[in-house]
Amino acid sequence: MQPRSGCAINAAVEALGDQWSMLVLRDMIFGDRRHFRELLEGSIEGIASNILSSRLKKLVDAGLLTKEQARRGQRARYSLTEAGIQTVPILFALGNWGLDWREGTPELRTRQELMRAEGLPFVEELMDELRTRHLGAPPAERVGAGPLERLEAAYRRSAAAHG
């Protein structure tokens, strides 16, 4: 993928700049969705299958995802590359902006609120967990629940309180 210009912001926007690409990355990172059907059915925004297919191909072509070819009777699985994992701080910044400037529901804002409260060390810990899950890196030593588990627990508590 060659960007239209040599501008770093332009190159990033061309790889990440549409809403669906960012939401696919969000669902892979925070929802641990790695298969087409999981991404399609788990999309709270209701992504269409042709759009999802297009965005997955775009993200693979941009080097943010890899696609493990399906063997007979199995589904293809997508994984984040290191470049894909490096989008976590971008999503963190976007989410913080959204908390400050956009409306939302309490249960859907709770994950971002937890991330904001725990700060950049949490973001780094999350990126390490994604490296383990997607790149096969050795798991980091930790005491207690990992970041994805803490995010899910916060969401469930909020959903129960507001549901």
N, C-alpha and C. Protein backbone atom coordinates (compact mmCIF):
# COMPACT_ATOMS: atom_id res chain seq x y z
N MET A 1 0.84 -1.18 0.00
CA MET A 1 0.00 0.00 0.00
C MET A 1 0.88 1.24 0.00
N GLN A 2 0.85 1.97 -1.07
CA GLN A 2 1.61 3.21 -1.16
C GLN A 2 0.68 4.38 -0.85
N PRO A 3 1.04 5.23 0.13
CA PRO A 3 0.21 6.39 0.43
C PRO A 3 0.27 7.42 -0.70
N ARG A 4 -0.71 8.30 -0.72
CA ARG A 4 -0.78 9.33 -1.75
C ARG A 4 0.32 10.37 -1.63
N SER A 5 0.87 10.51 -0.42
CA SER A 5 1.96 11.46 -0.22
C SER A 5 2.91 10.90 0.82
N GLY A 6 4.00 11.59 1.04
CA GLY A 6 4.97 11.17 2.03
C GLY A 6 4.67 11.63 3.44
N CYS A 7 3.53 12.26 3.65
CA CYS A 7 3.14 12.77 4.97
C CYS A 7 2.78 11.59 5.89
N ALA A 8 3.38 11.56 7.07
CA ALA A 8 3.13 10.47 8.01
C ALA A 8 1.67 10.42 8.45
N ILE A 9 1.04 11.57 8.64
CA ILE A 9 -0.37 11.59 9.03
C ILE A 9 -1.23 11.03 7.90
N ASN A 10 -0.95 11.43 6.67
CA ASN A 10 -1.69 10.91 5.53
C ASN A 10 -1.54 9.39 5.44
N ALA A 11 -0.32 8.90 5.58
CA ALA A 11 -0.09 7.45 5.48
C ALA A 11 -0.88 6.70 6.55
N ALA A 12 -0.91 7.23 7.77
CA ALA A 12 -1.68 6.59 8.85
C ALA A 12 -3.17 6.63 8.56
N VAL A 13 -3.66 7.78 8.10
CA VAL A 13 -5.09 7.91 7.81
C VAL A 13 -5.49 6.97 6.68
N GLU A 14 -4.65 6.82 5.68
CA GLU A 14 -4.99 5.91 4.59
C GLU A 14 -5.07 4.46 5.07
N ALA A 15 -4.25 4.07 6.04
CA ALA A 15 -4.29 2.71 6.57
C ALA A 15 -5.41 2.52 7.59
N LEU A 16 -5.71 3.55 8.37
CA LEU A 16 -6.62 3.40 9.51
C LEU A 16 -7.86 4.27 9.43
N GLY A 17 -7.93 5.18 8.48
CA GLY A 17 -8.82 6.32 8.56
C GLY A 17 -10.30 6.14 8.38
N ASP A 18 -10.79 4.98 8.05
CA ASP A 18 -12.25 4.89 7.96
C ASP A 18 -12.81 4.24 9.22
N GLN A 19 -14.05 4.56 9.51
CA GLN A 19 -14.65 4.11 10.77
C GLN A 19 -14.64 2.60 10.89
N TRP A 20 -14.90 1.88 9.82
CA TRP A 20 -15.01 0.42 9.94
C TRP A 20 -13.67 -0.23 10.25
N SER A 21 -12.59 0.27 9.67
CA SER A 21 -11.28 -0.31 9.96
C SER A 21 -10.94 -0.16 11.43
N MET A 22 -11.20 1.00 11.99
CA MET A 22 -10.92 1.23 13.40
C MET A 22 -11.80 0.35 14.28
N LEU A 23 -13.05 0.15 13.89
CA LEU A 23 -13.94 -0.68 14.70
C LEU A 23 -13.58 -2.16 14.60
N VAL A 24 -13.11 -2.60 13.44
CA VAL A 24 -12.62 -3.98 13.32
C VAL A 24 -11.42 -4.18 14.24
N LEU A 25 -10.50 -3.23 14.23
CA LEU A 25 -9.35 -3.32 15.14
C LEU A 25 -9.81 -3.30 16.59
N ARG A 26 -10.75 -2.43 16.92
CA ARG A 26 -11.29 -2.38 18.29
C ARG A 26 -11.83 -3.74 18.71
N ASP A 27 -12.63 -4.36 17.84
CA ASP A 27 -13.25 -5.64 18.18
C ASP A 27 -12.22 -6.76 18.29
N MET A 28 -11.17 -6.70 17.48
CA MET A 28 -10.12 -7.70 17.60
C MET A 28 -9.31 -7.49 18.88
N ILE A 29 -9.02 -6.24 19.20
CA ILE A 29 -8.18 -5.94 20.36
C ILE A 29 -8.95 -6.15 21.66
N PHE A 30 -10.10 -5.56 21.78
CA PHE A 30 -10.82 -5.57 23.05
C PHE A 30 -11.83 -6.71 23.17
N GLY A 31 -12.28 -7.24 22.05
CA GLY A 31 -13.26 -8.33 22.08
C GLY A 31 -12.68 -9.69 21.76
N ASP A 32 -11.39 -9.73 21.44
CA ASP A 32 -10.70 -10.97 21.08
C ASP A 32 -11.45 -11.74 19.99
N ARG A 33 -12.00 -11.00 19.03
CA ARG A 33 -12.69 -11.63 17.91
C ARG A 33 -11.69 -11.82 16.78
N ARG A 34 -11.53 -13.06 16.33
CA ARG A 34 -10.47 -13.36 15.37
C ARG A 34 -10.98 -14.01 14.08
N HIS A 35 -12.27 -14.33 14.03
CA HIS A 35 -12.85 -14.96 12.85
C HIS A 35 -13.92 -14.05 12.26
N PHE A 36 -14.11 -14.19 10.95
CA PHE A 36 -15.07 -13.35 10.23
C PHE A 36 -16.43 -13.34 10.90
N ARG A 37 -16.97 -14.52 11.20
CA ARG A 37 -18.32 -14.62 11.76
C ARG A 37 -18.39 -13.92 13.13
N GLU A 38 -17.36 -14.08 13.96
CA GLU A 38 -17.33 -13.39 15.26
C GLU A 38 -17.34 -11.87 15.09
N LEU A 39 -16.57 -11.39 14.14
CA LEU A 39 -16.51 -9.95 13.89
C LEU A 39 -17.84 -9.43 13.36
N LEU A 40 -18.46 -10.21 12.47
CA LEU A 40 -19.73 -9.80 11.88
C LEU A 40 -20.85 -9.80 12.92
N GLU A 41 -20.98 -10.89 13.65
CA GLU A 41 -22.08 -11.01 14.60
C GLU A 41 -21.84 -10.21 15.87
N GLY A 42 -20.59 -9.92 16.20
CA GLY A 42 -20.28 -9.17 17.41
C GLY A 42 -20.28 -7.67 17.23
N SER A 43 -20.49 -7.20 16.02
CA SER A 43 -20.44 -5.76 15.75
C SER A 43 -21.70 -5.08 16.27
N ILE A 44 -21.54 -4.25 17.30
CA ILE A 44 -22.70 -3.54 17.83
C ILE A 44 -23.16 -2.43 16.90
N GLU A 45 -22.27 -2.04 15.98
CA GLU A 45 -22.63 -1.01 15.00
C GLU A 45 -23.29 -1.61 13.76
N GLY A 46 -23.28 -2.93 13.63
CA GLY A 46 -23.97 -3.60 12.53
C GLY A 46 -23.24 -3.53 11.20
N ILE A 47 -21.98 -3.88 11.18
CA ILE A 47 -21.22 -3.87 9.93
C ILE A 47 -21.80 -4.90 8.95
N ALA A 48 -21.89 -4.53 7.69
CA ALA A 48 -22.36 -5.44 6.65
C ALA A 48 -21.23 -6.39 6.26
N SER A 49 -21.58 -7.58 5.83
CA SER A 49 -20.56 -8.60 5.53
C SER A 49 -19.62 -8.16 4.41
N ASN A 50 -20.13 -7.46 3.39
CA ASN A 50 -19.24 -7.02 2.30
C ASN A 50 -18.26 -5.94 2.79
N ILE A 51 -18.71 -5.08 3.69
CA ILE A 51 -17.83 -4.05 4.25
C ILE A 51 -16.77 -4.71 5.13
N LEU A 52 -17.18 -5.66 5.97
CA LEU A 52 -16.23 -6.36 6.82
C LEU A 52 -15.17 -7.08 5.99
N SER A 53 -15.60 -7.76 4.96
CA SER A 53 -14.67 -8.46 4.09
C SER A 53 -13.66 -7.49 3.47
N SER A 54 -14.15 -6.37 2.99
CA SER A 54 -13.30 -5.34 2.39
C SER A 54 -12.30 -4.79 3.40
N ARG A 55 -12.76 -4.49 4.62
CA ARG A 55 -11.87 -3.91 5.62
C ARG A 55 -10.84 -4.92 6.11
N LEU A 56 -11.21 -6.17 6.26
CA LEU A 56 -10.23 -7.18 6.66
C LEU A 56 -9.14 -7.29 5.60
N LYS A 57 -9.52 -7.29 4.33
CA LYS A 57 -8.53 -7.35 3.26
C LYS A 57 -7.64 -6.12 3.30
N LYS A 58 -8.23 -4.95 3.50
CA LYS A 58 -7.46 -3.71 3.57
C LYS A 58 -6.47 -3.74 4.73
N LEU A 59 -6.90 -4.22 5.89
CA LEU A 59 -6.03 -4.28 7.07
C LEU A 59 -4.91 -5.31 6.89
N VAL A 60 -5.19 -6.40 6.19
CA VAL A 60 -4.13 -7.38 5.87
C VAL A 60 -3.14 -6.74 4.90
N ASP A 61 -3.65 -6.10 3.85
CA ASP A 61 -2.79 -5.45 2.86
C ASP A 61 -1.93 -4.35 3.48
N ALA A 62 -2.46 -3.67 4.50
CA ALA A 62 -1.73 -2.59 5.17
C ALA A 62 -0.73 -3.13 6.19
N GLY A 63 -0.73 -4.44 6.42
CA GLY A 63 0.22 -5.03 7.35
C GLY A 63 -0.20 -4.94 8.81
N LEU A 64 -1.47 -4.67 9.08
CA LEU A 64 -1.96 -4.59 10.45
C LEU A 64 -2.50 -5.92 10.96
N LEU A 65 -2.89 -6.78 10.03
CA LEU A 65 -3.40 -8.10 10.35
C LEU A 65 -2.74 -9.14 9.46
N THR A 66 -2.75 -10.36 9.93
CA THR A 66 -2.43 -11.50 9.07
C THR A 66 -3.65 -12.39 9.01
N LYS A 67 -3.75 -13.14 7.93
CA LYS A 67 -4.86 -14.07 7.78
C LYS A 67 -4.28 -15.47 7.66
N GLU A 68 -4.66 -16.29 8.61
CA GLU A 68 -4.25 -17.69 8.60
C GLU A 68 -5.27 -18.43 7.75
N GLN A 69 -4.81 -18.99 6.65
CA GLN A 69 -5.73 -19.66 5.73
C GLN A 69 -6.44 -20.82 6.42
N ALA A 70 -7.70 -20.94 6.13
CA ALA A 70 -8.50 -22.01 6.71
C ALA A 70 -8.14 -23.34 6.07
N ARG A 71 -8.02 -24.33 6.90
CA ARG A 71 -7.87 -25.70 6.39
C ARG A 71 -9.26 -26.28 6.25
N ARG A 72 -9.34 -27.36 5.57
CA ARG A 72 -10.63 -28.00 5.33
C ARG A 72 -11.41 -28.15 6.65
N GLY A 73 -12.63 -27.63 6.66
CA GLY A 73 -13.49 -27.74 7.83
C GLY A 73 -13.19 -26.71 8.91
N GLN A 74 -12.25 -25.80 8.67
CA GLN A 74 -11.93 -24.78 9.67
C GLN A 74 -12.14 -23.40 9.08
N ARG A 75 -12.28 -22.43 9.96
CA ARG A 75 -12.46 -21.04 9.54
C ARG A 75 -11.11 -20.34 9.53
N ALA A 76 -10.98 -19.37 8.63
CA ALA A 76 -9.77 -18.56 8.61
C ALA A 76 -9.72 -17.72 9.89
N ARG A 77 -8.51 -17.52 10.39
CA ARG A 77 -8.34 -16.74 11.61
C ARG A 77 -7.42 -15.56 11.32
N TYR A 78 -7.80 -14.40 11.85
CA TYR A 78 -7.02 -13.19 11.70
C TYR A 78 -6.24 -12.95 12.99
N SER A 79 -5.04 -12.41 12.83
CA SER A 79 -4.22 -12.05 13.97
C SER A 79 -3.66 -10.65 13.76
N LEU A 80 -3.47 -9.95 14.85
CA LEU A 80 -2.82 -8.65 14.80
C LEU A 80 -1.34 -8.84 14.55
N THR A 81 -0.75 -7.97 13.77
CA THR A 81 0.70 -7.91 13.63
C THR A 81 1.20 -6.93 14.70
N GLU A 82 2.51 -6.77 14.79
CA GLU A 82 3.03 -5.75 15.71
C GLU A 82 2.50 -4.37 15.33
N ALA A 83 2.39 -4.09 14.03
CA ALA A 83 1.83 -2.80 13.61
C ALA A 83 0.39 -2.66 14.08
N GLY A 84 -0.38 -3.73 14.03
CA GLY A 84 -1.76 -3.70 14.53
C GLY A 84 -1.81 -3.48 16.03
N ILE A 85 -0.92 -4.14 16.76
CA ILE A 85 -0.85 -3.96 18.21
C ILE A 85 -0.47 -2.52 18.56
N GLN A 86 0.36 -1.91 17.73
CA GLN A 86 0.77 -0.53 17.97
C GLN A 86 -0.36 0.49 17.76
N THR A 87 -1.53 0.03 17.31
CA THR A 87 -2.69 0.92 17.21
C THR A 87 -3.39 1.09 18.56
N VAL A 88 -3.04 0.28 19.55
CA VAL A 88 -3.70 0.39 20.85
C VAL A 88 -3.58 1.80 21.44
N PRO A 89 -2.40 2.43 21.46
CA PRO A 89 -2.35 3.80 21.98
C PRO A 89 -3.21 4.79 21.18
N ILE A 90 -3.36 4.55 19.89
CA ILE A 90 -4.21 5.41 19.05
C ILE A 90 -5.67 5.24 19.48
N LEU A 91 -6.10 3.98 19.64
CA LEU A 91 -7.46 3.73 20.08
C LEU A 91 -7.69 4.28 21.49
N PHE A 92 -6.68 4.17 22.35
CA PHE A 92 -6.75 4.73 23.70
C PHE A 92 -6.98 6.25 23.63
N ALA A 93 -6.22 6.94 22.78
CA ALA A 93 -6.38 8.39 22.63
C ALA A 93 -7.75 8.73 22.04
N LEU A 94 -8.19 8.00 21.04
CA LEU A 94 -9.51 8.25 20.46
C LEU A 94 -10.62 8.04 21.50
N GLY A 95 -10.48 6.97 22.27
CA GLY A 95 -11.47 6.70 23.31
C GLY A 95 -11.52 7.79 24.37
N ASN A 96 -10.36 8.29 24.76
CA ASN A 96 -10.33 9.38 25.74
C ASN A 96 -11.00 10.63 25.18
N TRP A 97 -10.74 10.93 23.92
CA TRP A 97 -11.40 12.06 23.28
C TRP A 97 -12.91 11.83 23.29
N GLY A 98 -13.34 10.61 22.94
CA GLY A 98 -14.76 10.29 22.94
C GLY A 98 -15.41 10.45 24.31
N LEU A 99 -14.69 10.05 25.37
CA LEU A 99 -15.22 10.23 26.72
C LEU A 99 -15.47 11.71 27.01
N ASP A 100 -14.56 12.55 26.55
CA ASP A 100 -14.66 13.98 26.84
C ASP A 100 -15.67 14.72 25.98
N TRP A 101 -15.84 14.30 24.74
CA TRP A 101 -16.57 15.12 23.78
C TRP A 101 -17.79 14.49 23.15
N ARG A 102 -18.09 13.23 23.45
CA ARG A 102 -19.24 12.57 22.85
C ARG A 102 -20.07 11.86 23.90
N GLU A 103 -21.35 11.75 23.61
CA GLU A 103 -22.26 11.01 24.48
C GLU A 103 -22.02 9.51 24.30
N GLY A 104 -22.46 8.74 25.24
CA GLY A 104 -22.37 7.30 25.14
C GLY A 104 -23.15 6.66 26.27
N THR A 105 -23.26 5.36 26.22
CA THR A 105 -23.95 4.65 27.28
C THR A 105 -22.95 4.25 28.35
N PRO A 106 -23.37 4.22 29.60
CA PRO A 106 -22.44 3.90 30.69
C PRO A 106 -21.71 2.57 30.49
N GLU A 107 -22.43 1.53 30.08
CA GLU A 107 -21.78 0.22 29.95
C GLU A 107 -20.77 0.17 28.82
N LEU A 108 -20.99 0.96 27.75
CA LEU A 108 -20.03 0.96 26.65
C LEU A 108 -18.87 1.92 26.90
N ARG A 109 -19.03 2.85 27.82
CA ARG A 109 -17.96 3.78 28.17
C ARG A 109 -17.05 3.23 29.26
N THR A 110 -17.51 2.22 29.97
CA THR A 110 -16.81 1.75 31.17
C THR A 110 -15.41 1.21 30.88
N ARG A 111 -15.23 0.53 29.76
CA ARG A 111 -13.90 0.01 29.44
C ARG A 111 -12.90 1.15 29.26
N GLN A 112 -13.33 2.16 28.53
CA GLN A 112 -12.44 3.30 28.31
C GLN A 112 -12.17 4.04 29.61
N GLU A 113 -13.17 4.14 30.45
CA GLU A 113 -12.97 4.79 31.75
C GLU A 113 -11.94 4.03 32.59
N LEU A 114 -12.00 2.69 32.56
CA LEU A 114 -11.01 1.88 33.27
C LEU A 114 -9.62 2.12 32.69
N MET A 115 -9.51 2.10 31.36
CA MET A 115 -8.21 2.33 30.73
C MET A 115 -7.66 3.70 31.10
N ARG A 116 -8.52 4.72 31.07
CA ARG A 116 -8.07 6.07 31.41
C ARG A 116 -7.59 6.11 32.86
N ALA A 117 -8.34 5.48 33.76
CA ALA A 117 -7.98 5.50 35.18
C ALA A 117 -6.64 4.79 35.41
N GLU A 118 -6.38 3.71 34.68
CA GLU A 118 -5.14 2.95 34.89
C GLU A 118 -3.98 3.51 34.07
N GLY A 119 -4.28 4.26 33.01
CA GLY A 119 -3.26 4.97 32.26
C GLY A 119 -2.37 4.14 31.35
N LEU A 120 -1.26 4.74 30.97
CA LEU A 120 -0.35 4.13 29.99
C LEU A 120 0.24 2.79 30.44
N PRO A 121 0.49 2.56 31.74
CA PRO A 121 0.96 1.22 32.11
C PRO A 121 -0.05 0.13 31.73
N PHE A 122 -1.34 0.43 31.84
CA PHE A 122 -2.37 -0.53 31.43
C PHE A 122 -2.29 -0.78 29.92
N VAL A 123 -2.11 0.30 29.16
CA VAL A 123 -2.01 0.18 27.70
C VAL A 123 -0.83 -0.72 27.33
N GLU A 124 0.30 -0.52 27.98
CA GLU A 124 1.48 -1.37 27.73
C GLU A 124 1.22 -2.82 28.09
N GLU A 125 0.55 -3.04 29.23
CA GLU A 125 0.22 -4.39 29.66
C GLU A 125 -0.72 -5.06 28.66
N LEU A 126 -1.68 -4.30 28.16
CA LEU A 126 -2.61 -4.81 27.16
C LEU A 126 -1.86 -5.19 25.89
N MET A 127 -0.96 -4.35 25.46
CA MET A 127 -0.18 -4.64 24.25
C MET A 127 0.65 -5.91 24.44
N ASP A 128 1.21 -6.10 25.62
CA ASP A 128 1.96 -7.34 25.90
C ASP A 128 1.06 -8.56 25.84
N GLU A 129 -0.16 -8.43 26.39
CA GLU A 129 -1.10 -9.56 26.33
C GLU A 129 -1.48 -9.87 24.88
N LEU A 130 -1.66 -8.83 24.07
CA LEU A 130 -1.98 -9.06 22.65
C LEU A 130 -0.82 -9.72 21.92
N ARG A 131 0.41 -9.36 22.26
CA ARG A 131 1.58 -10.02 21.65
C ARG A 131 1.59 -11.51 21.98
N THR A 132 1.19 -11.86 23.19
CA THR A 132 1.10 -13.27 23.57
C THR A 132 0.02 -13.97 22.77
N ARG A 133 -1.15 -13.37 22.69
CA ARG A 133 -2.28 -14.00 22.01
C ARG A 133 -2.12 -14.06 20.49
N HIS A 134 -1.57 -13.01 19.90
CA HIS A 134 -1.54 -12.92 18.44
C HIS A 134 -0.20 -13.26 17.81
N LEU A 135 0.88 -13.02 18.53
CA LEU A 135 2.22 -13.22 17.96
C LEU A 135 2.96 -14.39 18.60
N GLY A 136 2.37 -15.01 19.61
CA GLY A 136 3.01 -16.14 20.25
C GLY A 136 4.14 -15.77 21.20
N ALA A 137 4.19 -14.51 21.65
CA ALA A 137 5.21 -14.10 22.61
C ALA A 137 4.97 -14.80 23.94
N PRO A 138 6.02 -15.02 24.71
CA PRO A 138 5.80 -15.64 26.02
C PRO A 138 4.96 -14.73 26.91
N PRO A 139 4.09 -15.32 27.72
CA PRO A 139 3.24 -14.50 28.59
C PRO A 139 4.06 -13.77 29.65
N ALA A 140 3.64 -12.56 29.93
CA ALA A 140 4.29 -11.76 30.97
C ALA A 140 3.88 -12.30 32.33
N GLU A 141 4.78 -12.21 33.28
CA GLU A 141 4.44 -12.59 34.65
C GLU A 141 3.55 -11.51 35.22
N ARG A 142 2.48 -11.93 35.87
CA ARG A 142 1.58 -10.95 36.48
C ARG A 142 0.90 -11.57 37.68
N VAL A 143 0.47 -10.70 38.54
CA VAL A 143 -0.32 -11.09 39.69
C VAL A 143 -1.74 -10.61 39.43
N GLY A 144 -2.70 -11.49 39.50
CA GLY A 144 -4.09 -11.09 39.28
C GLY A 144 -4.50 -11.19 37.82
N ALA A 145 -5.65 -10.65 37.54
CA ALA A 145 -6.25 -10.73 36.21
C ALA A 145 -5.48 -9.88 35.20
N GLY A 146 -5.47 -10.35 33.96
CA GLY A 146 -4.86 -9.60 32.87
C GLY A 146 -5.76 -8.46 32.42
N PRO A 147 -5.25 -7.61 31.55
CA PRO A 147 -6.01 -6.42 31.14
C PRO A 147 -7.32 -6.75 30.42
N LEU A 148 -7.32 -7.74 29.54
CA LEU A 148 -8.57 -8.05 28.84
C LEU A 148 -9.61 -8.59 29.81
N GLU A 149 -9.17 -9.38 30.76
CA GLU A 149 -10.08 -9.91 31.77
C GLU A 149 -10.64 -8.77 32.65
N ARG A 150 -9.81 -7.80 33.00
CA ARG A 150 -10.26 -6.66 33.80
C ARG A 150 -11.24 -5.79 33.02
N LEU A 151 -10.98 -5.60 31.73
CA LEU A 151 -11.90 -4.83 30.90
C LEU A 151 -13.26 -5.51 30.80
N GLU A 152 -13.25 -6.82 30.60
CA GLU A 152 -14.50 -7.56 30.48
C GLU A 152 -15.27 -7.54 31.80
N ALA A 153 -14.58 -7.69 32.91
CA ALA A 153 -15.24 -7.65 34.23
C ALA A 153 -15.87 -6.28 34.48
N ALA A 154 -15.17 -5.22 34.11
CA ALA A 154 -15.71 -3.86 34.28
C ALA A 154 -16.97 -3.68 33.44
N TYR A 155 -16.93 -4.19 32.21
CA TYR A 155 -18.10 -4.09 31.33
C TYR A 155 -19.29 -4.86 31.92
N ARG A 156 -19.05 -6.06 32.38
CA ARG A 156 -20.14 -6.88 32.93
C ARG A 156 -20.76 -6.22 34.16
N ARG A 157 -19.91 -5.66 35.03
CA ARG A 157 -20.45 -4.96 36.22
C ARG A 157 -21.31 -3.77 35.79
N SER A 158 -20.84 -3.00 34.84
CA SER A 158 -21.58 -1.84 34.38
C SER A 158 -22.88 -2.25 33.69
N ALA A 159 -22.81 -3.28 32.85
CA ALA A 159 -24.01 -3.75 32.15
C ALA A 159 -25.06 -4.24 33.15
N ALA A 160 -24.62 -4.94 34.20
CA ALA A 160 -25.55 -5.42 35.22
C ALA A 160 -26.17 -4.26 35.99
N ALA A 161 -25.38 -3.23 36.26
CA ALA A 161 -25.86 -2.07 37.00
C ALA A 161 -26.81 -1.21 36.19
N HIS A 162 -26.59 -1.17 34.86
CA HIS A 162 -27.40 -0.29 34.00
C HIS A 162 -28.39 -1.04 33.13
N GLY A 163 -28.39 -2.36 33.23
CA GLY A 163 -29.22 -3.18 32.33
C GLY A 163 -30.54 -3.51 32.86
